[in-house]
Amino acid sequence: MYIPRRYEEKDKEKIFRFIREYSFGILISTKDGLPVGTHIPLLLHRNAAGEDVLTGHISRGNEQKSTLTDGATVLVIFNGPHAYVSPRWYTRLNVPTWDYIAVHVYGQIRIIQGAELKDALSRLTDNYEQHQPHPVKMDEIPEKTLDDDLRGILGFEIGIREIQAAYKLSQNRDEESYHNVITQLAAKDEMAQKIAAEMQERSADLFNPHSS
C-alpha cells in the first residue's frame, strides 16, 4: 500500500486494536493470474507458538478455496472510518481530499481442521457474542448442525508476516486548518466523528511534540 511517511502508523498495539475493532476484512489471493477476494470476519490472536495470527474460514463452495493452501501468501484489508474533507475548511484554499484509516496485512496460510477448527470457531463465536444480552456458546448448537456446517467450510490460520497501516488524518495541514477539519467532521455522521476523534487524540503530539 502506498503510504507517505507522515501517514504511516507503526504503533503495533494501536494497529492491533484497530484490527480487532474493524475485524470484518477482505481476504485477497490470486487465482489464474487474477485477484479474488472474500469479505469475512477474522480473529486476531496469539497462537500456541506465540505468533500473532488471524483465523477465519470460507465456504467450500467459494472458488477462492483453491488458492488457500498451506504456505500460500494472502493479503487481508481492514477498512476503518473515512470522511471527505472540504478545502473550505483550510486557512488557504486547496484541493479536496479524503481522510481515512486502513490496514493491510500480508501473511501465509495454514489450513486448520478437526478439533483445531472447532476451537477457532468457538473463539470467533465467543468474540462476537460477548456483548449480546444472551450470548450463544458453541456447545449449545446441536451436534449434527455443527458437524454439517464444519463439513461445508475451509478453516485457516494466517501467520502475519507484514503489516502496513495508513492513518491519513490531515497531518500535512497547518494547525488552524487541522482543528477546523476536526470541528467540521465532529458535526457530521458517526464515521466522520471517529476520524475527528482520532485527529483530536493526535493533535498535541502533532503540533507540540515536546508537551509531554
C-alpha atoms as a PDB file:
ATOM      1  CA  MET A   1       0.000   0.000   0.000  1.00  0.00           C
ATOM      2  CA  TYR A   2       1.280   3.461  -0.855  1.00  0.00           C
ATOM      3  CA  ILE A   3       1.782   5.339   2.426  1.00  0.00           C
ATOM      4  CA  PRO A   4       3.599   8.686   2.587  1.00  0.00           C
ATOM      5  CA  ARG A   5       5.788   8.692   5.697  1.00  0.00           C
ATOM      6  CA  ARG A   6       3.679  11.260   7.573  1.00  0.00           C
ATOM      7  CA  TYR A   7       0.640   8.971   7.327  1.00  0.00           C
ATOM      8  CA  GLU A   8       2.338   5.726   8.336  1.00  0.00           C
ATOM      9  CA  GLU A   9       1.352   4.243  11.705  1.00  0.00           C
ATOM     10  CA  LYS A  10       3.899   1.954  13.355  1.00  0.00           C
ATOM     11  CA  ASP A  11       2.443   1.504  16.840  1.00  0.00           C
ATOM     12  CA  LYS A  12       1.686  -2.240  16.859  1.00  0.00           C
ATOM     13  CA  GLU A  13      -0.746  -2.114  19.781  1.00  0.00           C
ATOM     14  CA  LYS A  14      -2.730   0.712  18.177  1.00  0.00           C
ATOM     15  CA  ILE A  15      -2.860  -1.194  14.890  1.00  0.00           C
ATOM     16  CA  PHE A  16      -3.962  -4.393  16.631  1.00  0.00           C
ATOM     17  CA  ARG A  17      -6.745  -2.516  18.440  1.00  0.00           C
ATOM     18  CA  PHE A  18      -7.888  -1.226  15.058  1.00  0.00           C
ATOM     19  CA  ILE A  19      -7.894  -4.731  13.534  1.00  0.00           C
ATOM     20  CA  ARG A  20      -9.959  -6.054  16.446  1.00  0.00           C
ATOM     21  CA  GLU A  21     -12.475  -3.206  16.106  1.00  0.00           C
ATOM     22  CA  TYR A  22     -12.751  -3.445  12.304  1.00  0.00           C
ATOM     23  CA  SER A  23     -12.307  -7.198  12.051  1.00  0.00           C
ATOM     24  CA  PHE A  24     -14.600  -7.758   9.048  1.00  0.00           C
ATOM     25  CA  GLY A  25     -11.865  -7.784   6.418  1.00  0.00           C
ATOM     26  CA  ILE A  26     -11.309  -8.630   2.765  1.00  0.00           C
ATOM     27  CA  LEU A  27      -9.231 -11.757   2.161  1.00  0.00           C
ATOM     28  CA  ILE A  28      -7.380 -11.467  -1.169  1.00  0.00           C
ATOM     29  CA  SER A  29      -5.438 -14.122  -3.063  1.00  0.00           C
ATOM     30  CA  THR A  30      -4.647 -14.883  -6.714  1.00  0.00           C
ATOM     31  CA  LYS A  31      -6.448 -17.371  -8.947  1.00  0.00           C
ATOM     32  CA  ASP A  32      -5.394 -17.905 -12.551  1.00  0.00           C
ATOM     33  CA  GLY A  33      -3.473 -14.638 -12.536  1.00  0.00           C
ATOM     34  CA  LEU A  34      -6.398 -12.576 -11.246  1.00  0.00           C
ATOM     35  CA  PRO A  35      -7.057 -11.284  -7.704  1.00  0.00           C
ATOM     36  CA  VAL A  36     -10.030 -12.817  -5.889  1.00  0.00           C
ATOM     37  CA  GLY A  37     -11.465 -11.643  -2.590  1.00  0.00           C
ATOM     38  CA  THR A  38     -13.957 -12.629   0.093  1.00  0.00           C
ATOM     39  CA  HIS A  39     -15.431 -10.457   2.866  1.00  0.00           C
ATOM     40  CA  ILE A  40     -15.138 -12.353   6.147  1.00  0.00           C
ATOM     41  CA  PRO A  41     -14.635 -11.831   9.889  1.00  0.00           C
ATOM     42  CA  LEU A  42     -11.098 -12.602  11.042  1.00  0.00           C
ATOM     43  CA  LEU A  43      -9.994 -13.053  14.630  1.00  0.00           C
ATOM     44  CA  LEU A  44      -6.612 -11.674  15.677  1.00  0.00           C
ATOM     45  CA  HIS A  45      -4.956 -13.640  18.471  1.00  0.00           C
ATOM     46  CA  ARG A  46      -1.716 -15.292  19.548  1.00  0.00           C
ATOM     47  CA  ASN A  47      -1.400 -18.987  18.754  1.00  0.00           C
ATOM     48  CA  ALA A  48       0.195 -21.743  20.823  1.00  0.00           C
ATOM     49  CA  ALA A  49       3.591 -20.961  19.282  1.00  0.00           C
ATOM     50  CA  GLY A  50       3.355 -17.348  20.468  1.00  0.00           C
ATOM     51  CA  GLU A  51       2.814 -15.957  16.954  1.00  0.00           C
ATOM     52  CA  ASP A  52       0.328 -13.227  16.061  1.00  0.00           C
ATOM     53  CA  VAL A  53      -2.173 -14.753  13.643  1.00  0.00           C
ATOM     54  CA  LEU A  54      -5.558 -14.215  12.026  1.00  0.00           C
ATOM     55  CA  THR A  55      -8.015 -17.109  11.925  1.00  0.00           C
ATOM     56  CA  GLY A  56     -11.059 -17.445   9.722  1.00  0.00           C
ATOM     57  CA  HIS A  57     -12.915 -19.660   7.274  1.00  0.00           C
ATOM     58  CA  ILE A  58     -14.696 -19.568   3.926  1.00  0.00           C
ATOM     59  CA  SER A  59     -17.343 -21.739   2.324  1.00  0.00           C
ATOM     60  CA  ARG A  60     -16.081 -24.774   0.432  1.00  0.00           C
ATOM     61  CA  GLY A  61     -18.379 -23.600  -2.361  1.00  0.00           C
ATOM     62  CA  ASN A  62     -16.245 -20.469  -2.733  1.00  0.00           C
ATOM     63  CA  GLU A  63     -13.886 -20.686  -5.738  1.00  0.00           C
ATOM     64  CA  GLN A  64     -11.223 -18.901  -3.702  1.00  0.00           C
ATOM     65  CA  LYS A  65     -10.706 -22.083  -1.659  1.00  0.00           C
ATOM     66  CA  SER A  66      -8.353 -23.491  -4.316  1.00  0.00           C
ATOM     67  CA  THR A  67      -5.913 -20.630  -3.656  1.00  0.00           C
ATOM     68  CA  LEU A  68      -5.815 -21.205   0.101  1.00  0.00           C
ATOM     69  CA  THR A  69      -3.197 -23.898   0.505  1.00  0.00           C
ATOM     70  CA  ASP A  70      -0.508 -24.344   3.152  1.00  0.00           C
ATOM     71  CA  GLY A  71       2.200 -21.724   2.631  1.00  0.00           C
ATOM     72  CA  ALA A  72       0.203 -19.573   0.197  1.00  0.00           C
ATOM     73  CA  THR A  73       0.645 -15.807   0.643  1.00  0.00           C
ATOM     74  CA  VAL A  74      -2.510 -13.714   1.064  1.00  0.00           C
ATOM     75  CA  LEU A  75      -3.433 -10.100   1.689  1.00  0.00           C
ATOM     76  CA  VAL A  76      -6.113  -9.021   4.165  1.00  0.00           C
ATOM     77  CA  ILE A  77      -7.503  -5.479   4.010  1.00  0.00           C
ATOM     78  CA  PHE A  78      -9.167  -3.930   7.051  1.00  0.00           C
ATOM     79  CA  ASN A  79     -11.064  -0.737   6.304  1.00  0.00           C
ATOM     80  CA  GLY A  80     -11.835   1.744   9.064  1.00  0.00           C
ATOM     81  CA  PRO A  81     -13.571   5.120   9.273  1.00  0.00           C
ATOM     82  CA  HIS A  82     -13.176   7.614   6.435  1.00  0.00           C
ATOM     83  CA  ALA A  83     -14.505  11.062   5.595  1.00  0.00           C
ATOM     84  CA  TYR A  84     -14.492  13.670   2.842  1.00  0.00           C
ATOM     85  CA  VAL A  85     -12.537  16.839   3.673  1.00  0.00           C
ATOM     86  CA  SER A  86     -13.627  20.086   2.005  1.00  0.00           C
ATOM     87  CA  PRO A  87     -10.971  22.670   1.048  1.00  0.00           C
ATOM     88  CA  ARG A  88     -13.263  25.341   2.546  1.00  0.00           C
ATOM     89  CA  TRP A  89     -12.080  24.161   5.941  1.00  0.00           C
ATOM     90  CA  TYR A  90      -8.468  25.219   5.301  1.00  0.00           C
ATOM     91  CA  THR A  91      -6.914  28.605   6.040  1.00  0.00           C
ATOM     92  CA  ARG A  92      -5.836  28.712   2.400  1.00  0.00           C
ATOM     93  CA  LEU A  93      -7.930  27.195  -0.391  1.00  0.00           C
ATOM     94  CA  ASN A  94      -6.512  23.930  -1.649  1.00  0.00           C
ATOM     95  CA  VAL A  95      -7.833  20.776  -3.304  1.00  0.00           C
ATOM     96  CA  PRO A  96     -10.411  18.484  -1.650  1.00  0.00           C
ATOM     97  CA  THR A  97      -9.271  15.178  -0.160  1.00  0.00           C
ATOM     98  CA  TRP A  98     -10.337  12.170   1.877  1.00  0.00           C
ATOM     99  CA  ASP A  99      -9.097  11.229   5.347  1.00  0.00           C
ATOM    100  CA  TYR A 100      -9.145   7.553   6.315  1.00  0.00           C
ATOM    101  CA  ILE A 101      -7.647   4.693   8.294  1.00  0.00           C
ATOM    102  CA  ALA A 102      -6.797   1.375   6.613  1.00  0.00           C
ATOM    103  CA  VAL A 103      -4.566  -1.579   7.428  1.00  0.00           C
ATOM    104  CA  HIS A 104      -3.107  -4.189   5.069  1.00  0.00           C
ATOM    105  CA  VAL A 105      -1.848  -7.482   6.475  1.00  0.00           C
ATOM    106  CA  TYR A 106       0.275  -9.913   4.468  1.00  0.00           C
ATOM    107  CA  GLY A 107       0.640 -13.454   5.707  1.00  0.00           C
ATOM    108  CA  GLN A 108       0.912 -17.151   4.972  1.00  0.00           C
ATOM    109  CA  ILE A 109      -1.918 -19.636   5.080  1.00  0.00           C
ATOM    110  CA  ARG A 110      -2.020 -22.731   7.262  1.00  0.00           C
ATOM    111  CA  ILE A 111      -5.088 -24.925   6.862  1.00  0.00           C
ATOM    112  CA  ILE A 112      -6.797 -25.949  10.112  1.00  0.00           C
ATOM    113  CA  GLN A 113      -9.335 -28.709  10.599  1.00  0.00           C
ATOM    114  CA  GLY A 114     -10.856 -31.079  13.115  1.00  0.00           C
ATOM    115  CA  ALA A 115     -10.619 -30.063  16.767  1.00  0.00           C
ATOM    116  CA  GLU A 116      -8.441 -27.053  15.885  1.00  0.00           C
ATOM    117  CA  LEU A 117     -11.100 -25.704  13.535  1.00  0.00           C
ATOM    118  CA  LYS A 118     -13.789 -26.213  16.187  1.00  0.00           C
ATOM    119  CA  ASP A 119     -11.669 -24.308  18.694  1.00  0.00           C
ATOM    120  CA  ALA A 120     -11.190 -21.463  16.184  1.00  0.00           C
ATOM    121  CA  LEU A 121     -14.926 -21.250  15.544  1.00  0.00           C
ATOM    122  CA  SER A 122     -15.604 -21.270  19.278  1.00  0.00           C
ATOM    123  CA  ARG A 123     -13.223 -18.328  19.817  1.00  0.00           C
ATOM    124  CA  LEU A 124     -14.798 -16.453  16.901  1.00  0.00           C
ATOM    125  CA  THR A 125     -18.309 -17.044  18.241  1.00  0.00           C
ATOM    126  CA  ASP A 126     -17.339 -16.017  21.784  1.00  0.00           C
ATOM    127  CA  ASN A 127     -15.728 -12.840  20.444  1.00  0.00           C
ATOM    128  CA  TYR A 128     -18.860 -11.633  18.661  1.00  0.00           C
ATOM    129  CA  GLU A 129     -21.398 -12.999  21.135  1.00  0.00           C
ATOM    130  CA  GLN A 130     -19.812 -11.470  24.239  1.00  0.00           C
ATOM    131  CA  HIS A 131     -21.820  -8.242  24.025  1.00  0.00           C
ATOM    132  CA  GLN A 132     -25.150  -9.923  23.286  1.00  0.00           C
ATOM    133  CA  PRO A 133     -27.799  -9.983  26.039  1.00  0.00           C
ATOM    134  CA  HIS A 134     -27.805 -13.807  25.998  1.00  0.00           C
ATOM    135  CA  PRO A 135     -24.519 -14.998  24.434  1.00  0.00           C
ATOM    136  CA  VAL A 136     -24.616 -18.242  22.462  1.00  0.00           C
ATOM    137  CA  LYS A 137     -21.930 -20.842  23.173  1.00  0.00           C
ATOM    138  CA  MET A 138     -20.753 -23.376  20.603  1.00  0.00           C
ATOM    139  CA  ASP A 139     -21.718 -26.290  22.849  1.00  0.00           C
ATOM    140  CA  GLU A 140     -25.355 -25.099  22.680  1.00  0.00           C
ATOM    141  CA  ILE A 141     -25.501 -25.700  18.923  1.00  0.00           C
ATOM    142  CA  PRO A 142     -26.889 -29.177  18.045  1.00  0.00           C
ATOM    143  CA  GLU A 143     -24.004 -31.530  17.235  1.00  0.00           C
ATOM    144  CA  LYS A 144     -25.411 -32.575  13.839  1.00  0.00           C
ATOM    145  CA  THR A 145     -25.954 -28.944  12.806  1.00  0.00           C
ATOM    146  CA  LEU A 146     -22.406 -28.056  13.805  1.00  0.00           C
ATOM    147  CA  ASP A 147     -20.883 -31.097  12.077  1.00  0.00           C
ATOM    148  CA  ASP A 148     -22.807 -30.328   8.873  1.00  0.00           C
ATOM    149  CA  ASP A 149     -21.544 -26.753   8.925  1.00  0.00           C
ATOM    150  CA  LEU A 150     -17.948 -27.830   9.598  1.00  0.00           C
ATOM    151  CA  ARG A 151     -18.002 -30.051   6.520  1.00  0.00           C
ATOM    152  CA  GLY A 152     -19.019 -27.046   4.449  1.00  0.00           C
ATOM    153  CA  ILE A 153     -16.179 -24.713   5.382  1.00  0.00           C
ATOM    154  CA  LEU A 154     -12.430 -24.408   4.916  1.00  0.00           C
ATOM    155  CA  GLY A 155     -10.672 -23.134   8.039  1.00  0.00           C
ATOM    156  CA  PHE A 156      -7.294 -21.446   8.090  1.00  0.00           C
ATOM    157  CA  GLU A 157      -4.787 -19.518  10.143  1.00  0.00           C
ATOM    158  CA  ILE A 158      -2.831 -16.624   8.613  1.00  0.00           C
ATOM    159  CA  GLY A 159       0.648 -16.168  10.051  1.00  0.00           C
ATOM    160  CA  ILE A 160       1.271 -12.422   9.947  1.00  0.00           C
ATOM    161  CA  ARG A 161       4.428 -11.514   8.015  1.00  0.00           C
ATOM    162  CA  GLU A 162       3.971  -7.793   7.294  1.00  0.00           C
ATOM    163  CA  ILE A 163       1.602  -5.012   8.366  1.00  0.00           C
ATOM    164  CA  GLN A 164       1.067  -1.717   6.535  1.00  0.00           C
ATOM    165  CA  ALA A 165      -1.065   0.872   8.331  1.00  0.00           C
ATOM    166  CA  ALA A 166      -2.210   4.165   6.797  1.00  0.00           C
ATOM    167  CA  TYR A 167      -3.665   6.815   9.123  1.00  0.00           C
ATOM    168  CA  LYS A 168      -4.243   9.710   6.692  1.00  0.00           C
ATOM    169  CA  LEU A 169      -5.565  12.383   9.043  1.00  0.00           C
ATOM    170  CA  SER A 170      -4.701  15.819   7.620  1.00  0.00           C
ATOM    171  CA  GLN A 171      -1.204  15.701   9.157  1.00  0.00           C
ATOM    172  CA  ASN A 172       0.020  17.851   6.250  1.00  0.00           C
ATOM    173  CA  ARG A 173      -2.142  20.858   7.241  1.00  0.00           C
ATOM    174  CA  ASP A 174      -1.328  23.841   9.417  1.00  0.00           C
ATOM    175  CA  GLU A 175      -2.610  23.813  12.987  1.00  0.00           C
ATOM    176  CA  GLU A 176      -5.605  26.079  12.399  1.00  0.00           C
ATOM    177  CA  SER A 177      -6.731  24.108   9.352  1.00  0.00           C
ATOM    178  CA  TYR A 178      -6.238  20.843  11.224  1.00  0.00           C
ATOM    179  CA  HIS A 179      -8.527  21.948  14.057  1.00  0.00           C
ATOM    180  CA  ASN A 180     -11.053  23.352  11.581  1.00  0.00           C
ATOM    181  CA  VAL A 181     -11.244  19.896   9.987  1.00  0.00           C
ATOM    182  CA  ILE A 182     -11.811  18.326  13.414  1.00  0.00           C
ATOM    183  CA  THR A 183     -14.651  20.788  14.163  1.00  0.00           C
ATOM    184  CA  GLN A 184     -16.351  20.183  10.815  1.00  0.00           C
ATOM    185  CA  LEU A 185     -16.071  16.388  10.957  1.00  0.00           C
ATOM    186  CA  ALA A 186     -17.268  16.263  14.568  1.00  0.00           C
ATOM    187  CA  ALA A 187     -20.568  17.787  13.418  1.00  0.00           C
ATOM    188  CA  LYS A 188     -21.193  15.128  10.760  1.00  0.00           C
ATOM    189  CA  ASP A 189     -22.026  11.410  10.747  1.00  0.00           C
ATOM    190  CA  GLU A 190     -20.600   8.752  13.053  1.00  0.00           C
ATOM    191  CA  MET A 191     -17.816   7.747  10.675  1.00  0.00           C
ATOM    192  CA  ALA A 192     -16.635  11.346  10.292  1.00  0.00           C
ATOM    193  CA  GLN A 193     -16.811  11.764  14.054  1.00  0.00           C
ATOM    194  CA  LYS A 194     -14.464   8.814  14.513  1.00  0.00           C
ATOM    195  CA  ILE A 195     -11.939  10.473  12.211  1.00  0.00           C
ATOM    196  CA  ALA A 196     -12.324  13.702  14.190  1.00  0.00           C
ATOM    197  CA  ALA A 197     -11.761  11.862  17.476  1.00  0.00           C
ATOM    198  CA  GLU A 198      -8.597  10.195  16.175  1.00  0.00           C
ATOM    199  CA  MET A 199      -7.314  13.555  14.917  1.00  0.00           C
ATOM    200  CA  GLN A 200      -8.045  15.185  18.261  1.00  0.00           C
ATOM    201  CA  GLU A 201      -6.145  12.450  20.087  1.00  0.00           C
ATOM    202  CA  ARG A 202      -3.079  13.104  17.902  1.00  0.00           C
ATOM    203  CA  SER A 203      -3.181  16.899  17.875  1.00  0.00           C
ATOM    204  CA  ALA A 204      -0.954  17.574  20.892  1.00  0.00           C
ATOM    205  CA  ASP A 205       1.858  15.338  19.653  1.00  0.00           C
ATOM    206  CA  LEU A 206       1.491  16.663  16.118  1.00  0.00           C
ATOM    207  CA  PHE A 207       1.778  20.353  16.928  1.00  0.00           C
ATOM    208  CA  ASN A 208       3.554  20.310  20.285  1.00  0.00           C
ATOM    209  CA  PRO A 209       5.537  17.055  20.294  1.00  0.00           C
ATOM    210  CA  HIS A 210       7.502  18.030  23.441  1.00  0.00           C
ATOM    211  CA  SER A 211       4.394  18.853  25.525  1.00  0.00           C
ATOM    212  CA  SER A 212       4.562  15.562  27.388  1.00  0.00           C
END
